[in-house]
Amino acid sequence: MIKVLLADDHSIVREGLRKVLEDDKEIKVIAEAPDGETAFDQAMSQNPDVAVIDISMPGMDGLEVVSRMAAYCPDIPVLILTMHEEEQYVIRAIEAGAMGYVTKQSAPEQLVAAVKKINEGGRYLTEKAGEALALRVIRGNQNKSLTESLSMRELQVLRKLATGSTNREIATAYNISVKTVDTYRARLLKKLNLRNNADLSRYAIQNKLVEY
């Protein structure tokens, strides 16, 4: 039996995912989490065989959960399950330590196959995710887009600012100081050649970095 931790901030989505997974007799969802902090705590306390983590969650996001799990419980493979098909998220997730990447538009059997594959020590990418990674290898580190030039933390802060989080809320989510958030915001404005938070929000929406 494959024991799974399921993390998504929408209870109705978790309910549907649980049904899809448990329709397979080899899989059992042993824990659920509505946010990143709870997901990390559940991973540490429940020791699942596989963690299925959404990127967009309140507080600590899925990329941060992957990073922390890679550091504190590296034996638990993480499958990212997200709305984002964009190249930058595939690459970020794999760089953070995820073993698989599946979008919510994928067929249910792909989710089950992905859980089984990474439980066996393999990796699982959708066709689009695989193409995105291959393209990145071909292009190398030259010709990076503006978004690709952002660090993981800069991207996370940008997403939070774009969805209206205050500097203090961002600081709490990522366990950093408000002053550090201010520094990341200043870097973002300079790197992206923007003027204010409204411009940052517009950039994030235009580049599909946030969900609306």
N, C-alpha and C. Protein backbone atom coordinates (compact mmCIF):
# COMPACT_ATOMS: atom_id res chain seq x y z
N MET A 1 0.83 -1.19 0.00
CA MET A 1 0.00 0.00 0.00
C MET A 1 0.88 1.26 0.00
N ILE A 2 0.59 2.18 -0.91
CA ILE A 2 1.35 3.44 -0.99
C ILE A 2 0.62 4.50 -0.16
N LYS A 3 1.28 5.00 0.87
CA LYS A 3 0.67 5.99 1.76
C LYS A 3 0.95 7.39 1.20
N VAL A 4 -0.12 8.17 1.01
CA VAL A 4 0.01 9.46 0.33
C VAL A 4 -0.43 10.61 1.24
N LEU A 5 0.35 11.69 1.20
CA LEU A 5 -0.04 12.97 1.80
C LEU A 5 -0.55 13.85 0.66
N LEU A 6 -1.71 14.48 0.86
CA LEU A 6 -2.36 15.28 -0.17
C LEU A 6 -2.49 16.72 0.33
N ALA A 7 -1.86 17.67 -0.38
CA ALA A 7 -1.91 19.07 0.06
C ALA A 7 -2.46 19.97 -1.03
N ASP A 8 -3.61 20.59 -0.75
CA ASP A 8 -4.25 21.54 -1.67
C ASP A 8 -5.16 22.40 -0.81
N ASP A 9 -5.23 23.69 -1.13
CA ASP A 9 -6.02 24.58 -0.26
C ASP A 9 -7.52 24.50 -0.50
N HIS A 10 -7.96 23.76 -1.50
CA HIS A 10 -9.39 23.62 -1.76
C HIS A 10 -9.86 22.23 -1.34
N SER A 11 -10.77 22.21 -0.37
CA SER A 11 -11.22 20.92 0.17
C SER A 11 -11.91 20.08 -0.89
N ILE A 12 -12.65 20.73 -1.78
CA ILE A 12 -13.37 19.96 -2.81
C ILE A 12 -12.39 19.32 -3.80
N VAL A 13 -11.27 20.01 -4.03
CA VAL A 13 -10.23 19.44 -4.90
C VAL A 13 -9.58 18.25 -4.20
N ARG A 14 -9.28 18.41 -2.91
CA ARG A 14 -8.67 17.29 -2.16
C ARG A 14 -9.60 16.08 -2.17
N GLU A 15 -10.90 16.35 -2.01
CA GLU A 15 -11.87 15.25 -1.98
C GLU A 15 -11.85 14.49 -3.30
N GLY A 16 -11.81 15.26 -4.42
CA GLY A 16 -11.78 14.62 -5.72
C GLY A 16 -10.49 13.85 -5.96
N LEU A 17 -9.37 14.44 -5.53
CA LEU A 17 -8.08 13.77 -5.71
C LEU A 17 -8.00 12.50 -4.87
N ARG A 18 -8.53 12.58 -3.66
CA ARG A 18 -8.53 11.39 -2.79
C ARG A 18 -9.28 10.24 -3.46
N LYS A 19 -10.44 10.58 -4.06
CA LYS A 19 -11.24 9.53 -4.71
C LYS A 19 -10.47 8.92 -5.89
N VAL A 20 -9.87 9.81 -6.69
CA VAL A 20 -9.09 9.31 -7.84
C VAL A 20 -7.99 8.37 -7.38
N LEU A 21 -7.26 8.79 -6.34
CA LEU A 21 -6.13 7.98 -5.87
C LEU A 21 -6.59 6.67 -5.23
N GLU A 22 -7.64 6.76 -4.40
CA GLU A 22 -8.05 5.57 -3.64
C GLU A 22 -8.90 4.62 -4.48
N ASP A 23 -9.29 5.04 -5.68
CA ASP A 23 -9.93 4.09 -6.59
C ASP A 23 -8.93 3.01 -6.99
N ASP A 24 -7.65 3.34 -6.85
CA ASP A 24 -6.61 2.34 -7.07
C ASP A 24 -6.34 1.65 -5.72
N LYS A 25 -6.45 0.35 -5.69
CA LYS A 25 -6.38 -0.38 -4.42
C LYS A 25 -5.00 -0.38 -3.80
N GLU A 26 -4.00 0.11 -4.55
CA GLU A 26 -2.64 0.13 -4.01
C GLU A 26 -2.30 1.45 -3.31
N ILE A 27 -3.25 2.41 -3.33
CA ILE A 27 -2.96 3.74 -2.80
C ILE A 27 -3.93 4.10 -1.67
N LYS A 28 -3.40 4.69 -0.60
CA LYS A 28 -4.22 5.15 0.51
C LYS A 28 -3.77 6.55 0.93
N VAL A 29 -4.71 7.51 0.95
CA VAL A 29 -4.39 8.86 1.43
C VAL A 29 -4.45 8.84 2.95
N ILE A 30 -3.31 9.05 3.60
CA ILE A 30 -3.25 8.96 5.06
C ILE A 30 -3.27 10.33 5.74
N ALA A 31 -3.09 11.40 4.93
CA ALA A 31 -3.09 12.74 5.53
C ALA A 31 -3.42 13.77 4.47
N GLU A 32 -4.08 14.84 4.91
CA GLU A 32 -4.40 15.95 4.01
C GLU A 32 -3.95 17.25 4.66
N ALA A 33 -3.70 18.27 3.82
CA ALA A 33 -3.29 19.57 4.34
C ALA A 33 -3.87 20.68 3.47
N PRO A 34 -4.40 21.75 4.10
CA PRO A 34 -4.96 22.86 3.34
C PRO A 34 -3.98 23.99 3.09
N ASP A 35 -2.77 23.88 3.63
CA ASP A 35 -1.77 24.94 3.44
C ASP A 35 -0.37 24.33 3.56
N GLY A 36 0.62 25.14 3.19
CA GLY A 36 1.98 24.64 3.14
C GLY A 36 2.56 24.26 4.49
N GLU A 37 2.29 25.06 5.50
CA GLU A 37 2.85 24.77 6.83
C GLU A 37 2.32 23.43 7.35
N THR A 38 1.02 23.22 7.18
CA THR A 38 0.43 21.95 7.62
C THR A 38 0.97 20.79 6.81
N ALA A 39 1.17 21.02 5.51
CA ALA A 39 1.71 19.95 4.66
C ALA A 39 3.09 19.51 5.14
N PHE A 40 3.93 20.49 5.47
CA PHE A 40 5.27 20.15 5.95
C PHE A 40 5.19 19.40 7.29
N ASP A 41 4.34 19.90 8.19
CA ASP A 41 4.18 19.24 9.49
C ASP A 41 3.67 17.80 9.33
N GLN A 42 2.71 17.62 8.42
CA GLN A 42 2.16 16.28 8.18
C GLN A 42 3.21 15.34 7.59
N ALA A 43 4.04 15.89 6.72
CA ALA A 43 5.11 15.07 6.13
C ALA A 43 6.06 14.59 7.23
N MET A 44 6.40 15.49 8.14
CA MET A 44 7.33 15.14 9.21
C MET A 44 6.73 14.14 10.19
N SER A 45 5.43 14.30 10.49
CA SER A 45 4.82 13.46 11.53
C SER A 45 4.22 12.16 10.98
N GLN A 46 3.70 12.18 9.75
CA GLN A 46 3.00 11.01 9.21
C GLN A 46 3.90 10.12 8.35
N ASN A 47 5.02 10.67 7.90
CA ASN A 47 5.99 9.91 7.10
C ASN A 47 5.32 9.15 5.94
N PRO A 48 4.66 9.88 5.03
CA PRO A 48 4.01 9.20 3.89
C PRO A 48 5.06 8.64 2.92
N ASP A 49 4.60 7.76 2.04
CA ASP A 49 5.50 7.24 1.01
C ASP A 49 5.68 8.26 -0.12
N VAL A 50 4.62 9.04 -0.39
CA VAL A 50 4.63 10.04 -1.45
C VAL A 50 3.84 11.26 -0.97
N ALA A 51 4.32 12.45 -1.30
CA ALA A 51 3.57 13.68 -1.00
C ALA A 51 3.13 14.32 -2.30
N VAL A 52 1.84 14.59 -2.43
CA VAL A 52 1.29 15.27 -3.60
C VAL A 52 0.98 16.69 -3.18
N ILE A 53 1.72 17.65 -3.74
CA ILE A 53 1.69 19.02 -3.24
C ILE A 53 1.31 20.00 -4.33
N ASP A 54 0.34 20.88 -4.04
CA ASP A 54 -0.03 21.96 -4.95
C ASP A 54 0.96 23.11 -4.79
N ILE A 55 1.21 23.88 -5.84
CA ILE A 55 2.13 25.02 -5.73
C ILE A 55 1.46 26.18 -5.01
N SER A 56 0.22 26.48 -5.39
CA SER A 56 -0.44 27.68 -4.86
C SER A 56 -1.24 27.34 -3.61
N MET A 57 -0.65 27.68 -2.46
CA MET A 57 -1.35 27.48 -1.19
C MET A 57 -1.11 28.69 -0.31
N PRO A 58 -2.01 28.98 0.64
CA PRO A 58 -1.81 30.13 1.52
C PRO A 58 -0.59 29.93 2.41
N GLY A 59 0.00 31.05 2.82
CA GLY A 59 1.21 30.97 3.64
C GLY A 59 2.36 30.42 2.83
N MET A 60 3.02 29.41 3.34
CA MET A 60 4.13 28.76 2.64
C MET A 60 3.60 28.09 1.36
N ASP A 61 4.18 28.41 0.20
CA ASP A 61 3.66 27.80 -1.03
C ASP A 61 4.31 26.44 -1.28
N GLY A 62 3.83 25.76 -2.34
CA GLY A 62 4.29 24.41 -2.60
C GLY A 62 5.78 24.30 -2.90
N LEU A 63 6.34 25.31 -3.57
CA LEU A 63 7.77 25.27 -3.87
C LEU A 63 8.59 25.31 -2.58
N GLU A 64 8.12 26.10 -1.61
CA GLU A 64 8.82 26.18 -0.33
C GLU A 64 8.68 24.85 0.42
N VAL A 65 7.50 24.23 0.33
CA VAL A 65 7.30 22.92 0.97
C VAL A 65 8.29 21.89 0.39
N VAL A 66 8.43 21.90 -0.93
CA VAL A 66 9.36 20.96 -1.58
C VAL A 66 10.78 21.20 -1.08
N SER A 67 11.18 22.46 -1.01
CA SER A 67 12.54 22.79 -0.56
C SER A 67 12.77 22.31 0.87
N ARG A 68 11.79 22.54 1.74
CA ARG A 68 11.96 22.15 3.15
C ARG A 68 11.95 20.63 3.29
N MET A 69 11.09 19.97 2.52
CA MET A 69 11.07 18.51 2.59
C MET A 69 12.37 17.92 2.07
N ALA A 70 12.94 18.54 1.04
CA ALA A 70 14.22 18.06 0.52
C ALA A 70 15.31 18.15 1.58
N ALA A 71 15.17 19.15 2.47
CA ALA A 71 16.17 19.35 3.51
C ALA A 71 15.91 18.49 4.75
N TYR A 72 14.64 18.34 5.14
CA TYR A 72 14.32 17.70 6.42
C TYR A 72 13.80 16.25 6.29
N CYS A 73 13.19 15.92 5.17
CA CYS A 73 12.71 14.54 4.99
C CYS A 73 12.92 14.14 3.53
N PRO A 74 14.17 14.05 3.11
CA PRO A 74 14.49 13.80 1.69
C PRO A 74 14.05 12.44 1.18
N ASP A 75 13.70 11.53 2.08
CA ASP A 75 13.27 10.20 1.63
C ASP A 75 11.83 10.18 1.12
N ILE A 76 11.10 11.27 1.34
CA ILE A 76 9.71 11.33 0.87
C ILE A 76 9.67 12.03 -0.49
N PRO A 77 9.40 11.31 -1.58
CA PRO A 77 9.35 11.95 -2.89
C PRO A 77 8.11 12.83 -3.03
N VAL A 78 8.29 13.95 -3.71
CA VAL A 78 7.19 14.91 -3.86
C VAL A 78 6.74 14.97 -5.32
N LEU A 79 5.44 14.88 -5.50
CA LEU A 79 4.82 15.08 -6.81
C LEU A 79 4.11 16.42 -6.79
N ILE A 80 4.50 17.34 -7.67
CA ILE A 80 3.80 18.62 -7.78
C ILE A 80 2.56 18.43 -8.65
N LEU A 81 1.42 18.87 -8.12
CA LEU A 81 0.16 18.82 -8.86
C LEU A 81 -0.38 20.23 -8.90
N THR A 82 -0.44 20.84 -10.08
CA THR A 82 -0.68 22.28 -10.14
C THR A 82 -1.49 22.68 -11.35
N MET A 83 -1.98 23.92 -11.30
CA MET A 83 -2.65 24.51 -12.46
C MET A 83 -1.63 25.00 -13.49
N HIS A 84 -0.39 25.22 -13.04
CA HIS A 84 0.61 25.88 -13.88
C HIS A 84 1.27 24.93 -14.86
N GLU A 85 1.18 25.24 -16.13
CA GLU A 85 1.90 24.47 -17.14
C GLU A 85 3.14 25.21 -17.60
N GLU A 86 3.32 26.44 -17.10
CA GLU A 86 4.38 27.28 -17.60
C GLU A 86 5.75 26.71 -17.27
N GLU A 87 6.67 26.95 -18.19
CA GLU A 87 8.01 26.38 -18.10
C GLU A 87 8.69 26.73 -16.79
N GLN A 88 8.55 27.97 -16.35
CA GLN A 88 9.32 28.37 -15.17
C GLN A 88 8.94 27.58 -13.92
N TYR A 89 7.70 27.13 -13.84
CA TYR A 89 7.29 26.37 -12.66
C TYR A 89 7.80 24.94 -12.71
N VAL A 90 7.83 24.34 -13.88
CA VAL A 90 8.37 22.99 -14.00
C VAL A 90 9.82 22.99 -13.54
N ILE A 91 10.58 23.92 -14.09
CA ILE A 91 12.00 23.98 -13.77
C ILE A 91 12.22 24.28 -12.30
N ARG A 92 11.46 25.24 -11.76
CA ARG A 92 11.61 25.58 -10.33
C ARG A 92 11.30 24.38 -9.45
N ALA A 93 10.24 23.67 -9.80
CA ALA A 93 9.83 22.54 -8.96
C ALA A 93 10.90 21.45 -8.95
N ILE A 94 11.45 21.14 -10.13
CA ILE A 94 12.48 20.11 -10.20
C ILE A 94 13.75 20.57 -9.48
N GLU A 95 14.10 21.85 -9.67
CA GLU A 95 15.27 22.38 -8.98
C GLU A 95 15.10 22.33 -7.47
N ALA A 96 13.86 22.52 -7.00
CA ALA A 96 13.60 22.51 -5.56
C ALA A 96 13.67 21.09 -4.98
N GLY A 97 13.55 20.08 -5.86
CA GLY A 97 13.65 18.70 -5.37
C GLY A 97 12.47 17.82 -5.68
N ALA A 98 11.47 18.33 -6.42
CA ALA A 98 10.31 17.51 -6.77
C ALA A 98 10.74 16.37 -7.70
N MET A 99 10.08 15.21 -7.54
CA MET A 99 10.38 14.05 -8.38
C MET A 99 9.37 13.89 -9.51
N GLY A 100 8.31 14.68 -9.48
CA GLY A 100 7.31 14.58 -10.53
C GLY A 100 6.53 15.87 -10.67
N TYR A 101 5.93 16.05 -11.85
CA TYR A 101 5.16 17.27 -12.12
C TYR A 101 3.97 16.91 -12.99
N VAL A 102 2.77 17.10 -12.44
CA VAL A 102 1.53 16.79 -13.15
C VAL A 102 0.60 17.98 -13.00
N THR A 103 -0.09 18.35 -14.07
CA THR A 103 -1.03 19.46 -13.96
C THR A 103 -2.43 18.93 -13.64
N LYS A 104 -3.27 19.82 -13.13
CA LYS A 104 -4.63 19.42 -12.77
C LYS A 104 -5.48 19.16 -14.00
N GLN A 105 -4.94 19.54 -15.19
CA GLN A 105 -5.66 19.23 -16.42
C GLN A 105 -5.35 17.80 -16.90
N SER A 106 -4.41 17.15 -16.23
CA SER A 106 -4.02 15.80 -16.65
C SER A 106 -5.13 14.80 -16.37
N ALA A 107 -5.08 13.70 -17.08
CA ALA A 107 -6.07 12.65 -16.87
C ALA A 107 -5.84 12.00 -15.50
N PRO A 108 -6.92 11.53 -14.85
CA PRO A 108 -6.77 10.90 -13.52
C PRO A 108 -5.76 9.76 -13.51
N GLU A 109 -5.71 8.97 -14.60
CA GLU A 109 -4.78 7.84 -14.61
C GLU A 109 -3.33 8.31 -14.61
N GLN A 110 -3.08 9.55 -15.09
CA GLN A 110 -1.73 10.08 -15.04
C GLN A 110 -1.31 10.35 -13.60
N LEU A 111 -2.24 10.85 -12.78
CA LEU A 111 -1.93 11.11 -11.38
C LEU A 111 -1.58 9.81 -10.66
N VAL A 112 -2.36 8.79 -10.89
CA VAL A 112 -2.10 7.49 -10.26
C VAL A 112 -0.75 6.94 -10.73
N ALA A 113 -0.51 7.02 -12.04
CA ALA A 113 0.75 6.52 -12.59
C ALA A 113 1.94 7.29 -12.01
N ALA A 114 1.77 8.60 -11.85
CA ALA A 114 2.85 9.43 -11.32
C ALA A 114 3.18 9.04 -9.88
N VAL A 115 2.15 8.84 -9.06
CA VAL A 115 2.36 8.45 -7.66
C VAL A 115 3.12 7.13 -7.59
N LYS A 116 2.72 6.18 -8.42
CA LYS A 116 3.37 4.86 -8.39
C LYS A 116 4.81 4.96 -8.88
N LYS A 117 5.03 5.77 -9.91
CA LYS A 117 6.37 5.88 -10.49
C LYS A 117 7.36 6.49 -9.50
N ILE A 118 6.99 7.59 -8.86
CA ILE A 118 7.96 8.21 -7.95
C ILE A 118 8.08 7.41 -6.65
N ASN A 119 7.04 6.65 -6.30
CA ASN A 119 7.16 5.77 -5.14
C ASN A 119 8.21 4.68 -5.38
N GLU A 120 8.38 4.32 -6.65
CA GLU A 120 9.37 3.29 -7.02
C GLU A 120 10.76 3.89 -7.24
N GLY A 121 10.88 5.21 -7.00
CA GLY A 121 12.19 5.83 -7.14
C GLY A 121 12.42 6.52 -8.48
N GLY A 122 11.40 6.52 -9.33
CA GLY A 122 11.55 7.16 -10.63
C GLY A 122 11.07 8.59 -10.62
N ARG A 123 11.10 9.19 -11.80
CA ARG A 123 10.55 10.53 -11.98
C ARG A 123 9.37 10.46 -12.94
N TYR A 124 8.44 11.40 -12.81
CA TYR A 124 7.29 11.42 -13.70
C TYR A 124 7.02 12.87 -14.11
N LEU A 125 7.05 13.10 -15.41
CA LEU A 125 6.73 14.42 -15.95
C LEU A 125 5.68 14.27 -17.03
N THR A 126 4.76 15.22 -17.11
CA THR A 126 3.84 15.22 -18.24
C THR A 126 4.65 15.52 -19.50
N GLU A 127 4.03 15.29 -20.64
CA GLU A 127 4.73 15.53 -21.91
C GLU A 127 5.17 16.99 -22.01
N LYS A 128 4.28 17.92 -21.62
CA LYS A 128 4.63 19.34 -21.70
C LYS A 128 5.75 19.69 -20.74
N ALA A 129 5.71 19.10 -19.55
CA ALA A 129 6.76 19.38 -18.57
C ALA A 129 8.10 18.87 -19.08
N GLY A 130 8.10 17.70 -19.68
CA GLY A 130 9.33 17.14 -20.24
C GLY A 130 9.88 18.01 -21.36
N GLU A 131 8.97 18.51 -22.21
CA GLU A 131 9.39 19.38 -23.30
C GLU A 131 9.99 20.67 -22.75
N ALA A 132 9.38 21.20 -21.69
CA ALA A 132 9.88 22.45 -21.11
C ALA A 132 11.29 22.27 -20.56
N LEU A 133 11.52 21.16 -19.89
CA LEU A 133 12.86 20.90 -19.36
C LEU A 133 13.87 20.69 -20.48
N ALA A 134 13.46 19.98 -21.51
CA ALA A 134 14.36 19.75 -22.64
C ALA A 134 14.73 21.07 -23.31
N LEU A 135 13.74 21.94 -23.46
CA LEU A 135 13.98 23.25 -24.07
C LEU A 135 14.96 24.05 -23.24
N ARG A 136 14.82 23.96 -21.94
CA ARG A 136 15.73 24.69 -21.05
C ARG A 136 17.17 24.18 -21.21
N VAL A 137 17.33 22.88 -21.35
CA VAL A 137 18.66 22.31 -21.54
C VAL A 137 19.25 22.79 -22.86
N ILE A 138 18.43 22.78 -23.91
CA ILE A 138 18.90 23.21 -25.22
C ILE A 138 19.33 24.68 -25.19
N ARG A 139 18.52 25.49 -24.53
CA ARG A 139 18.83 26.93 -24.49
C ARG A 139 19.96 27.24 -23.54
N GLY A 140 20.17 26.37 -22.56
CA GLY A 140 21.18 26.62 -21.55
C GLY A 140 20.82 27.81 -20.69
N ASN A 141 21.78 28.36 -19.98
CA ASN A 141 21.51 29.49 -19.10
C ASN A 141 21.56 30.83 -19.83
N GLN A 142 21.93 30.75 -21.12
CA GLN A 142 21.90 31.98 -21.91
C GLN A 142 20.45 32.23 -22.32
N ASN A 143 20.12 33.37 -22.75
CA ASN A 143 18.80 33.69 -23.28
C ASN A 143 17.67 33.42 -22.29
N LYS A 144 17.94 33.56 -21.00
CA LYS A 144 16.87 33.40 -20.02
C LYS A 144 15.87 34.54 -20.15
N SER A 145 14.59 34.21 -19.91
CA SER A 145 13.59 35.27 -19.88
C SER A 145 13.74 36.04 -18.58
N LEU A 146 13.06 37.19 -18.49
CA LEU A 146 13.13 37.98 -17.26
C LEU A 146 12.65 37.15 -16.07
N THR A 147 11.56 36.42 -16.26
CA THR A 147 11.03 35.61 -15.16
C THR A 147 12.01 34.53 -14.76
N GLU A 148 12.65 33.91 -15.73
CA GLU A 148 13.62 32.85 -15.43
C GLU A 148 14.83 33.39 -14.70
N SER A 149 15.09 34.69 -14.86
CA SER A 149 16.27 35.27 -14.21
C SER A 149 16.03 35.50 -12.72
N LEU A 150 14.78 35.39 -12.29
CA LEU A 150 14.48 35.60 -10.87
C LEU A 150 14.88 34.38 -10.05
N SER A 151 15.34 34.63 -8.84
CA SER A 151 15.63 33.52 -7.94
C SER A 151 14.32 32.92 -7.45
N MET A 152 14.42 31.74 -6.83
CA MET A 152 13.21 31.10 -6.29
C MET A 152 12.48 32.04 -5.32
N ARG A 153 13.24 32.65 -4.40
CA ARG A 153 12.60 33.52 -3.40
C ARG A 153 12.01 34.76 -4.05
N GLU A 154 12.70 35.31 -5.04
CA GLU A 154 12.16 36.49 -5.72
C GLU A 154 10.84 36.13 -6.41
N LEU A 155 10.78 34.97 -7.03
CA LEU A 155 9.54 34.55 -7.68
C LEU A 155 8.43 34.37 -6.65
N GLN A 156 8.76 33.78 -5.49
CA GLN A 156 7.75 33.57 -4.46
C GLN A 156 7.23 34.90 -3.92
N VAL A 157 8.15 35.85 -3.69
CA VAL A 157 7.74 37.16 -3.18
C VAL A 157 6.89 37.88 -4.23
N LEU A 158 7.27 37.77 -5.48
CA LEU A 158 6.49 38.39 -6.56
C LEU A 158 5.07 37.84 -6.56
N ARG A 159 4.93 36.53 -6.45
CA ARG A 159 3.59 35.92 -6.44
C ARG A 159 2.77 36.42 -5.26
N LYS A 160 3.39 36.52 -4.10
CA LYS A 160 2.67 36.97 -2.91
C LYS A 160 2.23 38.44 -3.05
N LEU A 161 3.15 39.29 -3.54
CA LEU A 161 2.81 40.70 -3.72
C LEU A 161 1.68 40.84 -4.74
N ALA A 162 1.73 40.02 -5.78
CA ALA A 162 0.72 40.11 -6.83
C ALA A 162 -0.66 39.70 -6.35
N THR A 163 -0.72 38.86 -5.33
CA THR A 163 -2.03 38.43 -4.81
C THR A 163 -2.44 39.22 -3.58
N GLY A 164 -1.73 40.33 -3.30
CA GLY A 164 -2.17 41.25 -2.26
C GLY A 164 -1.64 41.00 -0.87
N SER A 165 -0.70 40.09 -0.70
CA SER A 165 -0.13 39.84 0.63
C SER A 165 0.69 41.04 1.07
N THR A 166 0.64 41.34 2.36
CA THR A 166 1.47 42.42 2.90
C THR A 166 2.89 41.92 3.11
N ASN A 167 3.81 42.87 3.28
CA ASN A 167 5.20 42.47 3.52
C ASN A 167 5.31 41.62 4.78
N ARG A 168 4.53 41.95 5.81
CA ARG A 168 4.58 41.17 7.05
C ARG A 168 4.05 39.75 6.83
N GLU A 169 2.97 39.63 6.06
CA GLU A 169 2.44 38.29 5.76
C GLU A 169 3.45 37.45 4.97
N ILE A 170 4.14 38.10 4.05
CA ILE A 170 5.15 37.37 3.26
C ILE A 170 6.31 36.95 4.16
N ALA A 171 6.71 37.86 5.05
CA ALA A 171 7.80 37.54 5.96
C ALA A 171 7.45 36.34 6.83
N THR A 172 6.21 36.30 7.32
CA THR A 172 5.77 35.17 8.15
C THR A 172 5.73 33.87 7.36
N ALA A 173 5.23 33.94 6.13
CA ALA A 173 5.10 32.73 5.30
C ALA A 173 6.45 32.07 5.04
N TYR A 174 7.47 32.89 4.82
CA TYR A 174 8.77 32.34 4.44
C TYR A 174 9.80 32.43 5.56
N ASN A 175 9.34 32.81 6.75
CA ASN A 175 10.23 32.86 7.92
C ASN A 175 11.45 33.75 7.67
N ILE A 176 11.17 34.92 7.11
CA ILE A 176 12.21 35.92 6.88
C ILE A 176 11.74 37.23 7.48
N SER A 177 12.63 38.23 7.55
CA SER A 177 12.24 39.50 8.16
C SER A 177 11.51 40.39 7.15
N VAL A 178 10.77 41.36 7.67
CA VAL A 178 10.08 42.31 6.81
C VAL A 178 11.11 43.10 6.00
N LYS A 179 12.25 43.40 6.62
CA LYS A 179 13.29 44.13 5.91
C LYS A 179 13.81 43.33 4.72
N THR A 180 13.90 42.01 4.90
CA THR A 180 14.35 41.16 3.79
C THR A 180 13.32 41.16 2.66
N VAL A 181 12.03 41.16 3.04
CA VAL A 181 10.98 41.23 2.01
C VAL A 181 11.12 42.54 1.23
N ASP A 182 11.39 43.63 1.95
CA ASP A 182 11.58 44.93 1.28
C ASP A 182 12.73 44.84 0.28
N THR A 183 13.79 44.13 0.68
CA THR A 183 14.96 43.99 -0.21
C THR A 183 14.58 43.22 -1.47
N TYR A 184 13.82 42.11 -1.29
CA TYR A 184 13.40 41.33 -2.46
C TYR A 184 12.50 42.16 -3.37
N ARG A 185 11.62 42.95 -2.76
CA ARG A 185 10.72 43.79 -3.57
C ARG A 185 11.55 44.78 -4.40
N ALA A 186 12.55 45.39 -3.77
CA ALA A 186 13.40 46.36 -4.49
C ALA A 186 14.13 45.67 -5.63
N ARG A 187 14.62 44.45 -5.39
CA ARG A 187 15.32 43.71 -6.45
C ARG A 187 14.38 43.42 -7.62
N LEU A 188 13.15 43.03 -7.26
CA LEU A 188 12.18 42.71 -8.31
C LEU A 188 11.90 43.92 -9.18
N LEU A 189 11.69 45.07 -8.55
CA LEU A 189 11.40 46.28 -9.32
C LEU A 189 12.56 46.61 -10.24
N LYS A 190 13.78 46.43 -9.74
CA LYS A 190 14.96 46.75 -10.56
C LYS A 190 15.13 45.75 -11.69
N LYS A 191 15.04 44.44 -11.37
CA LYS A 191 15.24 43.41 -12.40
C LYS A 191 14.20 43.49 -13.50
N LEU A 192 12.96 43.75 -13.10
CA LEU A 192 11.87 43.75 -14.08
C LEU A 192 11.59 45.14 -14.65
N ASN A 193 12.37 46.12 -14.18
CA ASN A 193 12.23 47.51 -14.65
C ASN A 193 10.80 48.01 -14.45
N LEU A 194 10.28 47.80 -13.25
CA LEU A 194 8.93 48.22 -12.91
C LEU A 194 8.99 49.27 -11.81
N ARG A 195 7.84 49.91 -11.53
CA ARG A 195 7.86 51.05 -10.60
C ARG A 195 7.22 50.77 -9.25
N ASN A 196 6.19 49.93 -9.22
CA ASN A 196 5.45 49.77 -7.97
C ASN A 196 4.74 48.41 -7.92
N ASN A 197 3.99 48.19 -6.83
CA ASN A 197 3.32 46.90 -6.66
C ASN A 197 2.25 46.64 -7.73
N ALA A 198 1.60 47.71 -8.18
CA ALA A 198 0.59 47.54 -9.24
C ALA A 198 1.25 46.99 -10.50
N ASP A 199 2.44 47.50 -10.82
CA ASP A 199 3.17 47.00 -11.99
C ASP A 199 3.58 45.54 -11.78
N LEU A 200 3.98 45.21 -10.55
CA LEU A 200 4.36 43.82 -10.26
C LEU A 200 3.16 42.89 -10.44
N SER A 201 2.00 43.32 -9.98
CA SER A 201 0.79 42.50 -10.13
C SER A 201 0.46 42.30 -11.60
N ARG A 202 0.56 43.39 -12.37
CA ARG A 202 0.27 43.30 -13.80
C ARG A 202 1.24 42.34 -14.48
N TYR A 203 2.50 42.43 -14.11
CA TYR A 203 3.51 41.53 -14.71
C TYR A 203 3.20 40.08 -14.38
N ALA A 204 2.84 39.81 -13.11
CA ALA A 204 2.56 38.44 -12.70
C ALA A 204 1.35 37.87 -13.43
N ILE A 205 0.33 38.69 -13.63
CA ILE A 205 -0.87 38.24 -14.34
C ILE A 205 -0.55 37.98 -15.82
N GLN A 206 0.16 38.92 -16.43
CA GLN A 206 0.48 38.78 -17.86
C GLN A 206 1.35 37.56 -18.13
N ASN A 207 2.18 37.20 -17.16
CA ASN A 207 3.08 36.05 -17.35
C ASN A 207 2.55 34.78 -16.69
N LYS A 208 1.26 34.83 -16.29
CA LYS A 208 0.58 33.64 -15.75
C LYS A 208 1.30 33.06 -14.55
N LEU A 209 1.78 33.96 -13.68
CA LEU A 209 2.47 33.52 -12.47
C LEU A 209 1.50 33.37 -11.30
N VAL A 210 0.31 33.90 -11.45
CA VAL A 210 -0.72 33.77 -10.42
C VAL A 210 -2.01 33.31 -11.07
N GLU A 211 -2.89 32.74 -10.25
CA GLU A 211 -4.15 32.21 -10.77
C GLU A 211 -5.28 33.16 -10.44
N TYR A 212 -6.09 33.52 -11.42
CA TYR A 212 -7.27 34.34 -11.19
C TYR A 212 -8.46 33.73 -11.88
